[in-house]
């Protein structure tokens, strides 16, 4: 069902270029690394593409969980009906059509040398988040790289465990996550990363599962509106990241010939949700899989009912976007990828 990730040629790590994507249904920071030689315009034959994050960029590392993730008629381990943003980005950069998962035991050396994904569905920067989910933590993903979110809010802070909610106010939790992100970015820089792109969190209050769990009984089925207070939390975190991490790191990184980019996708996602017909969508508040209200992960499986036209839906399940949505979100990132490919 999946593919995997590692990079073995440590010789080019000194020239490693990294850009990060905040996952789309996102909940947490996702990082994609590009390795290159020192040339003004990057030769794609010298590129490697590394991905860190959660289910929005997990191509199969959580393959032991049954998912309704299919490309054509073949399950891939992705939590959608086709390609992820990172697949589109790698293809756009001329590296590969699909980014493989690190844990695939059949992974070939050619795949390793051009980059892979360490991402794990359910992961997050808060160490408690992957512990609750039993998945691969972000530090562990970084450890895998050395060897070769959103979930923080949706699963952890506002989810089933009350631990963080009882011990942290939202402002304090922001700062806690900022510290984790800063450490992770520094680890990447220490490892040789030279270009980092941070992408903001989308309006998480508009995820179908969030609408279902935070609406009154009538609104769960009839009115179904975004939970604005939760989207405001995402927007507030985006501002903290941009003002504290990005503003500070841009200056610091210039001294070591590195560069940090920030791309906000909150507005792009909001535009799709507010005017779906403009983008060719009919359904924005339910997923294509099952009832579309709650199903995700193994609740979306080969026995689940699937809508007849997936491209009509913004969401594939109650959390994750469809391939078509991922493509639109990728387009918001493509200009930054252009800058990286041009060596700027």
C-alpha atoms as a PDB file:
ATOM      1  CA  UNK A   1       0.000   0.000   0.000  1.00  0.00           C
ATOM      2  CA  UNK A   2       2.813   2.453   0.351  1.00  0.00           C
ATOM      3  CA  UNK A   3       6.325   3.559  -0.298  1.00  0.00           C
ATOM      4  CA  UNK A   4       9.056   4.848   2.072  1.00  0.00           C
ATOM      5  CA  UNK A   5      11.881   7.225   2.869  1.00  0.00           C
ATOM      6  CA  UNK A   6      15.562   7.696   3.623  1.00  0.00           C
ATOM      7  CA  UNK A   7      18.513   9.453   2.061  1.00  0.00           C
ATOM      8  CA  UNK A   8      21.849   7.687   2.078  1.00  0.00           C
ATOM      9  CA  UNK A   9      24.386   9.892   0.276  1.00  0.00           C
ATOM     10  CA  UNK A  10      25.555  11.948   3.245  1.00  0.00           C
ATOM     11  CA  UNK A  11      28.118  13.596   0.988  1.00  0.00           C
ATOM     12  CA  UNK A  12      25.620  16.173  -0.263  1.00  0.00           C
ATOM     13  CA  UNK A  13      24.099  16.926   3.116  1.00  0.00           C
ATOM     14  CA  UNK A  14      26.248  20.025   3.496  1.00  0.00           C
ATOM     15  CA  UNK A  15      24.275  21.527   0.624  1.00  0.00           C
ATOM     16  CA  UNK A  16      20.874  20.360   1.818  1.00  0.00           C
ATOM     17  CA  UNK A  17      18.016  22.726   1.009  1.00  0.00           C
ATOM     18  CA  UNK A  18      14.788  22.389   2.950  1.00  0.00           C
ATOM     19  CA  UNK A  19      11.381  23.911   2.587  1.00  0.00           C
ATOM     20  CA  UNK A  20       8.481  23.189   4.852  1.00  0.00           C
ATOM     21  CA  UNK A  21       4.800  22.835   4.269  1.00  0.00           C
ATOM     22  CA  UNK A  22       2.273  23.168   7.002  1.00  0.00           C
ATOM     23  CA  UNK A  23       0.040  20.193   6.204  1.00  0.00           C
ATOM     24  CA  UNK A  24      -3.166  21.019   4.670  1.00  0.00           C
ATOM     25  CA  UNK A  25      -5.754  19.562   6.846  1.00  0.00           C
ATOM     26  CA  UNK A  26      -2.911  20.227   8.510  1.00  0.00           C
ATOM     27  CA  UNK A  27      -2.465  20.672  12.189  1.00  0.00           C
ATOM     28  CA  UNK A  28       1.285  20.798  12.106  1.00  0.00           C
ATOM     29  CA  UNK A  29       4.453  21.768  10.369  1.00  0.00           C
ATOM     30  CA  UNK A  30       5.568  19.635   7.480  1.00  0.00           C
ATOM     31  CA  UNK A  31       9.015  19.876   6.035  1.00  0.00           C
ATOM     32  CA  UNK A  32      10.223  19.011   2.579  1.00  0.00           C
ATOM     33  CA  UNK A  33      13.951  18.937   1.994  1.00  0.00           C
ATOM     34  CA  UNK A  34      15.726  19.550  -1.277  1.00  0.00           C
ATOM     35  CA  UNK A  35      19.403  18.649  -1.696  1.00  0.00           C
ATOM     36  CA  UNK A  36      21.436  20.238  -4.446  1.00  0.00           C
ATOM     37  CA  UNK A  37      24.887  21.123  -5.670  1.00  0.00           C
ATOM     38  CA  UNK A  38      26.109  24.702  -5.500  1.00  0.00           C
ATOM     39  CA  UNK A  39      24.777  26.053  -8.808  1.00  0.00           C
ATOM     40  CA  UNK A  40      22.843  29.288  -9.472  1.00  0.00           C
ATOM     41  CA  UNK A  41      20.008  27.357 -11.116  1.00  0.00           C
ATOM     42  CA  UNK A  42      19.329  23.953  -9.609  1.00  0.00           C
ATOM     43  CA  UNK A  43      19.821  20.868 -11.746  1.00  0.00           C
ATOM     44  CA  UNK A  44      16.950  18.562 -10.788  1.00  0.00           C
ATOM     45  CA  UNK A  45      19.161  15.502 -11.216  1.00  0.00           C
ATOM     46  CA  UNK A  46      20.931  16.635  -8.031  1.00  0.00           C
ATOM     47  CA  UNK A  47      17.749  17.124  -6.006  1.00  0.00           C
ATOM     48  CA  UNK A  48      16.380  15.021  -3.169  1.00  0.00           C
ATOM     49  CA  UNK A  49      12.950  15.623  -1.683  1.00  0.00           C
ATOM     50  CA  UNK A  50      12.360  14.958   2.027  1.00  0.00           C
ATOM     51  CA  UNK A  51       9.023  15.236   3.811  1.00  0.00           C
ATOM     52  CA  UNK A  52       8.214  15.471   7.516  1.00  0.00           C
ATOM     53  CA  UNK A  53       4.741  15.766   9.007  1.00  0.00           C
ATOM     54  CA  UNK A  54       1.329  14.176   9.468  1.00  0.00           C
ATOM     55  CA  UNK A  55      -1.367  12.400   7.454  1.00  0.00           C
ATOM     56  CA  UNK A  56      -1.638  15.130   4.834  1.00  0.00           C
ATOM     57  CA  UNK A  57       1.831  14.168   3.599  1.00  0.00           C
ATOM     58  CA  UNK A  58       2.027  10.543   4.787  1.00  0.00           C
ATOM     59  CA  UNK A  59       2.229   8.420   1.615  1.00  0.00           C
ATOM     60  CA  UNK A  60       2.123   5.097   3.477  1.00  0.00           C
ATOM     61  CA  UNK A  61       4.290   5.092   6.600  1.00  0.00           C
ATOM     62  CA  UNK A  62       1.124   4.358   8.581  1.00  0.00           C
ATOM     63  CA  UNK A  63       0.379   1.614   6.109  1.00  0.00           C
ATOM     64  CA  UNK A  64      -0.554  -0.770   8.866  1.00  0.00           C
ATOM     65  CA  UNK A  65      -3.778   1.228   9.219  1.00  0.00           C
ATOM     66  CA  UNK A  66      -6.366   0.256   6.629  1.00  0.00           C
ATOM     67  CA  UNK A  67      -7.289   3.301   4.597  1.00  0.00           C
ATOM     68  CA  UNK A  68      -9.455   4.031   1.596  1.00  0.00           C
ATOM     69  CA  UNK A  69      -6.505   5.648  -0.117  1.00  0.00           C
ATOM     70  CA  UNK A  70      -6.427   4.771  -3.789  1.00  0.00           C
ATOM     71  CA  UNK A  71      -4.644   5.937  -6.913  1.00  0.00           C
ATOM     72  CA  UNK A  72      -6.404   4.348  -9.853  1.00  0.00           C
ATOM     73  CA  UNK A  73      -7.437   1.012  -8.347  1.00  0.00           C
ATOM     74  CA  UNK A  74      -4.344   0.539  -6.204  1.00  0.00           C
ATOM     75  CA  UNK A  75      -4.254   1.461  -2.482  1.00  0.00           C
ATOM     76  CA  UNK A  76      -1.219   3.643  -1.748  1.00  0.00           C
ATOM     77  CA  UNK A  77      -1.442   4.416   1.965  1.00  0.00           C
ATOM     78  CA  UNK A  78      -2.341   8.049   1.307  1.00  0.00           C
ATOM     79  CA  UNK A  79      -5.340   9.513   3.138  1.00  0.00           C
ATOM     80  CA  UNK A  80      -6.999  10.718  -0.056  1.00  0.00           C
ATOM     81  CA  UNK A  81      -8.089   9.496  -3.486  1.00  0.00           C
ATOM     82  CA  UNK A  82      -4.853  10.323  -5.286  1.00  0.00           C
ATOM     83  CA  UNK A  83      -1.802  12.545  -5.033  1.00  0.00           C
ATOM     84  CA  UNK A  84      -0.745  14.724  -2.116  1.00  0.00           C
ATOM     85  CA  UNK A  85       0.641  18.250  -2.275  1.00  0.00           C
ATOM     86  CA  UNK A  86       4.125  16.810  -1.861  1.00  0.00           C
ATOM     87  CA  UNK A  87       3.608  14.456  -4.819  1.00  0.00           C
ATOM     88  CA  UNK A  88       2.627  17.408  -6.989  1.00  0.00           C
ATOM     89  CA  UNK A  89       5.583  19.440  -5.710  1.00  0.00           C
ATOM     90  CA  UNK A  90       8.107  16.666  -6.381  1.00  0.00           C
ATOM     91  CA  UNK A  91       6.693  16.139  -9.870  1.00  0.00           C
ATOM     92  CA  UNK A  92       6.682  19.891 -10.578  1.00  0.00           C
ATOM     93  CA  UNK A  93      10.337  20.057  -9.557  1.00  0.00           C
ATOM     94  CA  UNK A  94      11.106  17.241 -11.984  1.00  0.00           C
ATOM     95  CA  UNK A  95      12.257  14.844  -9.256  1.00  0.00           C
ATOM     96  CA  UNK A  96       9.621  12.089  -9.183  1.00  0.00           C
ATOM     97  CA  UNK A  97       5.878  11.617  -9.646  1.00  0.00           C
ATOM     98  CA  UNK A  98       5.257  10.253  -6.153  1.00  0.00           C
ATOM     99  CA  UNK A  99       7.144  10.665  -2.874  1.00  0.00           C
ATOM    100  CA  UNK A 100       7.732   7.272  -1.276  1.00  0.00           C
ATOM    101  CA  UNK A 101       7.330   6.408   2.456  1.00  0.00           C
ATOM    102  CA  UNK A 102      10.401   5.655   4.544  1.00  0.00           C
ATOM    103  CA  UNK A 103       8.998   2.487   6.112  1.00  0.00           C
ATOM    104  CA  UNK A 104       8.404   0.612   2.870  1.00  0.00           C
ATOM    105  CA  UNK A 105      10.703  -2.439   3.110  1.00  0.00           C
ATOM    106  CA  UNK A 106      10.760  -2.791  -0.702  1.00  0.00           C
ATOM    107  CA  UNK A 107      12.134   0.713  -1.257  1.00  0.00           C
ATOM    108  CA  UNK A 108      14.903   0.772  -3.850  1.00  0.00           C
ATOM    109  CA  UNK A 109      18.124   2.744  -3.597  1.00  0.00           C
ATOM    110  CA  UNK A 110      17.070   4.982  -6.501  1.00  0.00           C
ATOM    111  CA  UNK A 111      14.066   6.099  -4.453  1.00  0.00           C
ATOM    112  CA  UNK A 112      16.220   6.799  -1.406  1.00  0.00           C
ATOM    113  CA  UNK A 113      18.650   8.923  -3.364  1.00  0.00           C
ATOM    114  CA  UNK A 114      15.924  11.220  -4.690  1.00  0.00           C
ATOM    115  CA  UNK A 115      14.170  11.724  -1.348  1.00  0.00           C
ATOM    116  CA  UNK A 116      11.352  10.183   0.659  1.00  0.00           C
ATOM    117  CA  UNK A 117       8.662  10.927   3.243  1.00  0.00           C
ATOM    118  CA  UNK A 118       9.107  10.398   6.965  1.00  0.00           C
ATOM    119  CA  UNK A 119       5.599  11.722   7.685  1.00  0.00           C
ATOM    120  CA  UNK A 120       3.258   9.778   9.947  1.00  0.00           C
ATOM    121  CA  UNK A 121      -0.513  10.215  10.183  1.00  0.00           C
ATOM    122  CA  UNK A 122      -1.503  11.510  13.619  1.00  0.00           C
ATOM    123  CA  UNK A 123       1.891  13.053  14.397  1.00  0.00           C
ATOM    124  CA  UNK A 124       2.555  16.540  15.777  1.00  0.00           C
ATOM    125  CA  UNK A 125       5.165  18.815  17.352  1.00  0.00           C
ATOM    126  CA  UNK A 126       3.762  18.347  20.854  1.00  0.00           C
ATOM    127  CA  UNK A 127       5.462  15.112  22.067  1.00  0.00           C
ATOM    128  CA  UNK A 128       2.144  14.054  23.611  1.00  0.00           C
ATOM    129  CA  UNK A 129       0.327  14.101  20.249  1.00  0.00           C
ATOM    130  CA  UNK A 130       2.101  11.119  18.606  1.00  0.00           C
ATOM    131  CA  UNK A 131       2.082   9.325  21.963  1.00  0.00           C
ATOM    132  CA  UNK A 132      -1.716   9.531  22.056  1.00  0.00           C
ATOM    133  CA  UNK A 133      -1.893   8.245  18.492  1.00  0.00           C
ATOM    134  CA  UNK A 134       0.902   5.678  18.745  1.00  0.00           C
ATOM    135  CA  UNK A 135       2.602   7.061  15.623  1.00  0.00           C
ATOM    136  CA  UNK A 136       5.995   8.437  14.578  1.00  0.00           C
ATOM    137  CA  UNK A 137       6.924  11.660  16.377  1.00  0.00           C
ATOM    138  CA  UNK A 138       8.543  14.583  14.540  1.00  0.00           C
ATOM    139  CA  UNK A 139      11.866  14.133  16.431  1.00  0.00           C
ATOM    140  CA  UNK A 140      11.803  10.455  15.447  1.00  0.00           C
ATOM    141  CA  UNK A 141      11.217  11.491  11.828  1.00  0.00           C
ATOM    142  CA  UNK A 142      14.291  13.703  12.128  1.00  0.00           C
ATOM    143  CA  UNK A 143      16.198  10.768  13.586  1.00  0.00           C
ATOM    144  CA  UNK A 144      15.276   8.722  10.520  1.00  0.00           C
ATOM    145  CA  UNK A 145      16.783  11.451   8.352  1.00  0.00           C
ATOM    146  CA  UNK A 146      19.980  11.352  10.383  1.00  0.00           C
ATOM    147  CA  UNK A 147      20.053   7.593   9.786  1.00  0.00           C
ATOM    148  CA  UNK A 148      19.784   7.828   6.081  1.00  0.00           C
ATOM    149  CA  UNK A 149      -0.051  21.044  13.428  1.00  0.00           C
ATOM    150  CA  UNK A 150      -2.589  20.559  13.479  1.00  0.00           C
ATOM    151  CA  UNK A 151      -2.924  17.204  15.073  1.00  0.00           C
ATOM    152  CA  UNK A 152      -1.563  19.082  18.065  1.00  0.00           C
ATOM    153  CA  UNK A 153      -4.788  21.088  18.172  1.00  0.00           C
ATOM    154  CA  UNK A 154      -7.377  18.708  16.687  1.00  0.00           C
ATOM    155  CA  UNK A 155      -6.312  15.426  18.283  1.00  0.00           C
ATOM    156  CA  UNK A 156      -4.454  16.622  21.359  1.00  0.00           C
ATOM    157  CA  UNK A 157      -5.552  20.043  22.687  1.00  0.00           C
ATOM    158  CA  UNK A 158      -9.203  19.884  21.562  1.00  0.00           C
ATOM    159  CA  UNK A 159      -9.377  16.101  21.249  1.00  0.00           C
ATOM    160  CA  UNK A 160      -9.855  13.164  23.592  1.00  0.00           C
ATOM    161  CA  UNK A 161      -7.025  13.947  26.021  1.00  0.00           C
ATOM    162  CA  UNK A 162      -7.594  16.822  28.480  1.00  0.00           C
ATOM    163  CA  UNK A 163      -3.968  16.997  29.637  1.00  0.00           C
ATOM    164  CA  UNK A 164      -2.776  19.972  27.576  1.00  0.00           C
ATOM    165  CA  UNK A 165      -6.116  21.769  27.874  1.00  0.00           C
ATOM    166  CA  UNK A 166      -5.890  21.660  31.674  1.00  0.00           C
ATOM    167  CA  UNK A 167      -2.251  22.747  31.844  1.00  0.00           C
ATOM    168  CA  UNK A 168      -1.968  25.257  28.984  1.00  0.00           C
ATOM    169  CA  UNK A 169      -4.041  28.218  27.924  1.00  0.00           C
ATOM    170  CA  UNK A 170      -4.157  28.729  24.143  1.00  0.00           C
ATOM    171  CA  UNK A 171      -1.478  31.504  24.257  1.00  0.00           C
ATOM    172  CA  UNK A 172       0.813  29.308  26.360  1.00  0.00           C
ATOM    173  CA  UNK A 173       0.213  26.325  24.102  1.00  0.00           C
ATOM    174  CA  UNK A 174       1.105  28.487  21.112  1.00  0.00           C
ATOM    175  CA  UNK A 175       4.430  29.262  22.753  1.00  0.00           C
ATOM    176  CA  UNK A 176       5.014  25.615  23.669  1.00  0.00           C
ATOM    177  CA  UNK A 177       4.556  24.591  20.024  1.00  0.00           C
ATOM    178  CA  UNK A 178       6.685  27.491  18.792  1.00  0.00           C
ATOM    179  CA  UNK A 179       9.547  26.227  20.951  1.00  0.00           C
ATOM    180  CA  UNK A 180       9.190  22.737  19.454  1.00  0.00           C
ATOM    181  CA  UNK A 181       9.158  24.124  15.905  1.00  0.00           C
ATOM    182  CA  UNK A 182      12.177  26.338  16.547  1.00  0.00           C
ATOM    183  CA  UNK A 183      14.121  23.360  17.845  1.00  0.00           C
ATOM    184  CA  UNK A 184      13.157  21.257  14.843  1.00  0.00           C
ATOM    185  CA  UNK A 185      14.189  23.971  12.385  1.00  0.00           C
ATOM    186  CA  UNK A 186      17.501  24.385  14.194  1.00  0.00           C
ATOM    187  CA  UNK A 187      18.087  20.622  14.011  1.00  0.00           C
ATOM    188  CA  UNK A 188      17.533  20.802  10.263  1.00  0.00           C
ATOM    189  CA  UNK A 189      19.906  23.747   9.931  1.00  0.00           C
ATOM    190  CA  UNK A 190      22.531  21.930  11.987  1.00  0.00           C
ATOM    191  CA  UNK A 191      22.095  18.982   9.657  1.00  0.00           C
ATOM    192  CA  UNK A 192      22.775  21.149   6.624  1.00  0.00           C
ATOM    193  CA  UNK A 193      19.424  22.608   5.570  1.00  0.00           C
ATOM    194  CA  UNK A 194      19.803  25.849   3.640  1.00  0.00           C
ATOM    195  CA  UNK A 195      16.327  26.808   2.387  1.00  0.00           C
ATOM    196  CA  UNK A 196      13.205  26.426   4.509  1.00  0.00           C
ATOM    197  CA  UNK A 197       9.652  27.300   3.498  1.00  0.00           C
ATOM    198  CA  UNK A 198       7.013  27.384   6.205  1.00  0.00           C
ATOM    199  CA  UNK A 199       3.376  27.047   5.188  1.00  0.00           C
ATOM    200  CA  UNK A 200       0.585  28.124   7.531  1.00  0.00           C
ATOM    201  CA  UNK A 201      -2.333  26.150   8.951  1.00  0.00           C
ATOM    202  CA  UNK A 202      -5.699  26.157   7.142  1.00  0.00           C
ATOM    203  CA  UNK A 203      -9.054  27.004   8.826  1.00  0.00           C
ATOM    204  CA  UNK A 204      -9.335  23.850  10.944  1.00  0.00           C
ATOM    205  CA  UNK A 205     -12.825  24.833  12.115  1.00  0.00           C
ATOM    206  CA  UNK A 206     -14.065  23.946   8.612  1.00  0.00           C
ATOM    207  CA  UNK A 207     -12.996  20.290   8.671  1.00  0.00           C
ATOM    208  CA  UNK A 208     -16.159  18.136   8.415  1.00  0.00           C
ATOM    209  CA  UNK A 209     -15.308  16.158  11.553  1.00  0.00           C
ATOM    210  CA  UNK A 210     -14.746  19.376  13.511  1.00  0.00           C
ATOM    211  CA  UNK A 211     -18.107  20.755  12.342  1.00  0.00           C
ATOM    212  CA  UNK A 212     -19.830  17.501  13.345  1.00  0.00           C
ATOM    213  CA  UNK A 213     -18.269  17.291  16.806  1.00  0.00           C
ATOM    214  CA  UNK A 214     -18.740  20.975  17.673  1.00  0.00           C
ATOM    215  CA  UNK A 215     -22.271  21.679  16.379  1.00  0.00           C
ATOM    216  CA  UNK A 216     -25.622  21.197  18.090  1.00  0.00           C
ATOM    217  CA  UNK A 217     -27.750  18.248  17.018  1.00  0.00           C
ATOM    218  CA  UNK A 218     -29.706  20.136  14.357  1.00  0.00           C
ATOM    219  CA  UNK A 219     -26.684  21.898  12.872  1.00  0.00           C
ATOM    220  CA  UNK A 220     -24.716  18.643  12.619  1.00  0.00           C
ATOM    221  CA  UNK A 221     -26.949  17.560   9.747  1.00  0.00           C
ATOM    222  CA  UNK A 222     -28.670  20.672   8.389  1.00  0.00           C
ATOM    223  CA  UNK A 223     -26.834  23.965   8.836  1.00  0.00           C
ATOM    224  CA  UNK A 224     -23.234  22.697   9.026  1.00  0.00           C
ATOM    225  CA  UNK A 225     -21.201  25.877   9.320  1.00  0.00           C
ATOM    226  CA  UNK A 226     -17.509  26.267  10.092  1.00  0.00           C
ATOM    227  CA  UNK A 227     -16.625  26.555  13.779  1.00  0.00           C
ATOM    228  CA  UNK A 228     -15.066  29.994  13.590  1.00  0.00           C
ATOM    229  CA  UNK A 229     -13.534  29.999  17.070  1.00  0.00           C
ATOM    230  CA  UNK A 230     -11.377  27.005  16.101  1.00  0.00           C
ATOM    231  CA  UNK A 231     -10.381  28.511  12.776  1.00  0.00           C
ATOM    232  CA  UNK A 232      -9.422  31.636  14.734  1.00  0.00           C
ATOM    233  CA  UNK A 233      -7.071  29.450  16.793  1.00  0.00           C
ATOM    234  CA  UNK A 234      -5.376  28.309  13.578  1.00  0.00           C
ATOM    235  CA  UNK A 235      -5.141  31.861  12.282  1.00  0.00           C
ATOM    236  CA  UNK A 236      -3.731  33.057  15.598  1.00  0.00           C
ATOM    237  CA  UNK A 237      -1.083  30.356  15.483  1.00  0.00           C
ATOM    238  CA  UNK A 238      -0.189  31.316  11.908  1.00  0.00           C
ATOM    239  CA  UNK A 239       0.419  34.890  13.069  1.00  0.00           C
ATOM    240  CA  UNK A 240       2.592  33.721  15.964  1.00  0.00           C
ATOM    241  CA  UNK A 241       4.676  31.541  13.636  1.00  0.00           C
ATOM    242  CA  UNK A 242       5.066  34.309  11.078  1.00  0.00           C
ATOM    243  CA  UNK A 243       5.881  37.039  13.614  1.00  0.00           C
ATOM    244  CA  UNK A 244       8.068  35.058  15.993  1.00  0.00           C
ATOM    245  CA  UNK A 245       9.702  32.235  14.085  1.00  0.00           C
ATOM    246  CA  UNK A 246       9.907  33.560  10.539  1.00  0.00           C
ATOM    247  CA  UNK A 247      10.814  37.169  11.385  1.00  0.00           C
ATOM    248  CA  UNK A 248      13.550  36.036  13.765  1.00  0.00           C
ATOM    249  CA  UNK A 249      14.969  33.208  11.673  1.00  0.00           C
ATOM    250  CA  UNK A 250      15.136  35.205   8.425  1.00  0.00           C
ATOM    251  CA  UNK A 251      17.759  37.486   9.972  1.00  0.00           C
ATOM    252  CA  UNK A 252      19.652  34.662  11.691  1.00  0.00           C
ATOM    253  CA  UNK A 253      19.735  32.467   8.599  1.00  0.00           C
ATOM    254  CA  UNK A 254      21.082  35.182   6.314  1.00  0.00           C
ATOM    255  CA  UNK A 255      24.306  35.046   8.341  1.00  0.00           C
ATOM    256  CA  UNK A 256      24.815  31.388   7.420  1.00  0.00           C
ATOM    257  CA  UNK A 257      23.787  31.786   3.779  1.00  0.00           C
ATOM    258  CA  UNK A 258      20.369  30.200   4.387  1.00  0.00           C
ATOM    259  CA  UNK A 259      16.881  31.364   3.528  1.00  0.00           C
ATOM    260  CA  UNK A 260      13.454  31.028   5.119  1.00  0.00           C
ATOM    261  CA  UNK A 261      10.165  31.485   3.229  1.00  0.00           C
ATOM    262  CA  UNK A 262       6.627  31.638   4.643  1.00  0.00           C
ATOM    263  CA  UNK A 263       3.542  30.779   2.587  1.00  0.00           C
ATOM    264  CA  UNK A 264       0.067  31.292   4.062  1.00  0.00           C
ATOM    265  CA  UNK A 265      -2.562  28.885   2.737  1.00  0.00           C
ATOM    266  CA  UNK A 266      -5.329  29.872   5.177  1.00  0.00           C
ATOM    267  CA  UNK A 267      -6.743  32.398   2.715  1.00  0.00           C
ATOM    268  CA  UNK A 268      -6.433  30.031  -0.251  1.00  0.00           C
ATOM    269  CA  UNK A 269      -8.336  27.325   1.590  1.00  0.00           C
ATOM    270  CA  UNK A 270     -10.897  29.853   2.822  1.00  0.00           C
ATOM    271  CA  UNK A 271     -11.504  31.068  -0.740  1.00  0.00           C
ATOM    272  CA  UNK A 272     -12.268  27.512  -1.840  1.00  0.00           C
ATOM    273  CA  UNK A 273     -14.690  26.981   1.041  1.00  0.00           C
ATOM    274  CA  UNK A 274     -16.480  30.310   0.630  1.00  0.00           C
ATOM    275  CA  UNK A 275     -16.933  30.106  -3.136  1.00  0.00           C
ATOM    276  CA  UNK A 276     -16.678  26.395  -3.994  1.00  0.00           C
ATOM    277  CA  UNK A 277     -18.454  26.606  -7.347  1.00  0.00           C
ATOM    278  CA  UNK A 278     -15.788  29.010  -8.595  1.00  0.00           C
ATOM    279  CA  UNK A 279     -13.328  26.151  -8.137  1.00  0.00           C
ATOM    280  CA  UNK A 280     -15.691  23.458  -9.440  1.00  0.00           C
ATOM    281  CA  UNK A 281     -16.784  21.972  -6.104  1.00  0.00           C
ATOM    282  CA  UNK A 282     -20.322  21.125  -4.948  1.00  0.00           C
ATOM    283  CA  UNK A 283     -19.632  19.717  -1.471  1.00  0.00           C
ATOM    284  CA  UNK A 284     -17.564  21.572   1.134  1.00  0.00           C
ATOM    285  CA  UNK A 285     -18.867  20.500   4.545  1.00  0.00           C
ATOM    286  CA  UNK A 286     -18.878  16.689   4.222  1.00  0.00           C
ATOM    287  CA  UNK A 287     -16.385  14.151   2.983  1.00  0.00           C
ATOM    288  CA  UNK A 288     -16.738  11.765   0.058  1.00  0.00           C
ATOM    289  CA  UNK A 289     -16.209   8.642   2.185  1.00  0.00           C
ATOM    290  CA  UNK A 290     -19.075   7.103   4.182  1.00  0.00           C
ATOM    291  CA  UNK A 291     -21.475   9.632   5.659  1.00  0.00           C
ATOM    292  CA  UNK A 292     -18.773  12.264   5.259  1.00  0.00           C
ATOM    293  CA  UNK A 293     -19.454  13.468   8.807  1.00  0.00           C
ATOM    294  CA  UNK A 294     -16.970  11.538  10.956  1.00  0.00           C
ATOM    295  CA  UNK A 295     -15.181   8.865   8.942  1.00  0.00           C
ATOM    296  CA  UNK A 296     -11.422   9.017   8.511  1.00  0.00           C
ATOM    297  CA  UNK A 297      -8.429   6.710   8.734  1.00  0.00           C
ATOM    298  CA  UNK A 298      -9.501   3.047   9.110  1.00  0.00           C
ATOM    299  CA  UNK A 299     -13.159   4.104   9.244  1.00  0.00           C
ATOM    300  CA  UNK A 300     -12.645   4.825   5.538  1.00  0.00           C
ATOM    301  CA  UNK A 301     -11.883   1.363   4.193  1.00  0.00           C
ATOM    302  CA  UNK A 302     -12.650  -0.825   1.134  1.00  0.00           C
ATOM    303  CA  UNK A 303     -16.139  -1.497   2.516  1.00  0.00           C
ATOM    304  CA  UNK A 304     -16.991   2.178   2.909  1.00  0.00           C
ATOM    305  CA  UNK A 305     -19.432   3.888   0.589  1.00  0.00           C
ATOM    306  CA  UNK A 306     -17.629   6.291  -1.721  1.00  0.00           C
ATOM    307  CA  UNK A 307     -19.303   9.190  -3.529  1.00  0.00           C
ATOM    308  CA  UNK A 308     -19.788   8.786  -7.274  1.00  0.00           C
ATOM    309  CA  UNK A 309     -17.772  11.890  -8.224  1.00  0.00           C
ATOM    310  CA  UNK A 310     -14.890  12.560  -5.853  1.00  0.00           C
ATOM    311  CA  UNK A 311     -13.867  15.735  -7.694  1.00  0.00           C
ATOM    312  CA  UNK A 312     -17.119  17.400  -6.550  1.00  0.00           C
ATOM    313  CA  UNK A 313     -15.835  17.268  -2.957  1.00  0.00           C
ATOM    314  CA  UNK A 314     -13.299  19.461  -1.190  1.00  0.00           C
ATOM    315  CA  UNK A 315     -12.721  16.695   1.372  1.00  0.00           C
ATOM    316  CA  UNK A 316     -12.119  13.001   0.725  1.00  0.00           C
ATOM    317  CA  UNK A 317     -12.952  11.940   4.272  1.00  0.00           C
ATOM    318  CA  UNK A 318     -13.984  14.025   7.290  1.00  0.00           C
ATOM    319  CA  UNK A 319     -10.482  15.516   7.617  1.00  0.00           C
ATOM    320  CA  UNK A 320      -8.362  15.089   4.509  1.00  0.00           C
ATOM    321  CA  UNK A 321      -8.735  16.970   1.205  1.00  0.00           C
ATOM    322  CA  UNK A 322      -9.338  15.280  -2.117  1.00  0.00           C
ATOM    323  CA  UNK A 323      -6.619  15.101  -4.744  1.00  0.00           C
ATOM    324  CA  UNK A 324      -8.219  18.027  -6.555  1.00  0.00           C
ATOM    325  CA  UNK A 325      -8.057  20.206  -3.444  1.00  0.00           C
ATOM    326  CA  UNK A 326      -4.445  19.217  -2.856  1.00  0.00           C
ATOM    327  CA  UNK A 327      -3.652  20.331  -6.408  1.00  0.00           C
ATOM    328  CA  UNK A 328      -5.203  23.765  -5.817  1.00  0.00           C
ATOM    329  CA  UNK A 329      -3.240  24.115  -2.585  1.00  0.00           C
ATOM    330  CA  UNK A 330      -0.083  23.026  -4.369  1.00  0.00           C
ATOM    331  CA  UNK A 331      -0.604  25.841  -6.896  1.00  0.00           C
ATOM    332  CA  UNK A 332      -0.408  28.295  -3.974  1.00  0.00           C
ATOM    333  CA  UNK A 333       3.076  26.899  -3.262  1.00  0.00           C
ATOM    334  CA  UNK A 334       4.372  26.618  -6.803  1.00  0.00           C
ATOM    335  CA  UNK A 335       5.852  30.129  -6.979  1.00  0.00           C
ATOM    336  CA  UNK A 336       7.986  29.361  -3.935  1.00  0.00           C
ATOM    337  CA  UNK A 337       9.144  26.119  -5.506  1.00  0.00           C
ATOM    338  CA  UNK A 338      10.107  28.204  -8.552  1.00  0.00           C
ATOM    339  CA  UNK A 339      12.313  30.389  -6.366  1.00  0.00           C
ATOM    340  CA  UNK A 340      14.021  27.331  -4.908  1.00  0.00           C
ATOM    341  CA  UNK A 341      14.579  25.779  -8.331  1.00  0.00           C
ATOM    342  CA  UNK A 342      16.049  29.084  -9.545  1.00  0.00           C
ATOM    343  CA  UNK A 343      18.430  29.123  -6.593  1.00  0.00           C
ATOM    344  CA  UNK A 344      16.897  32.295  -5.151  1.00  0.00           C
END
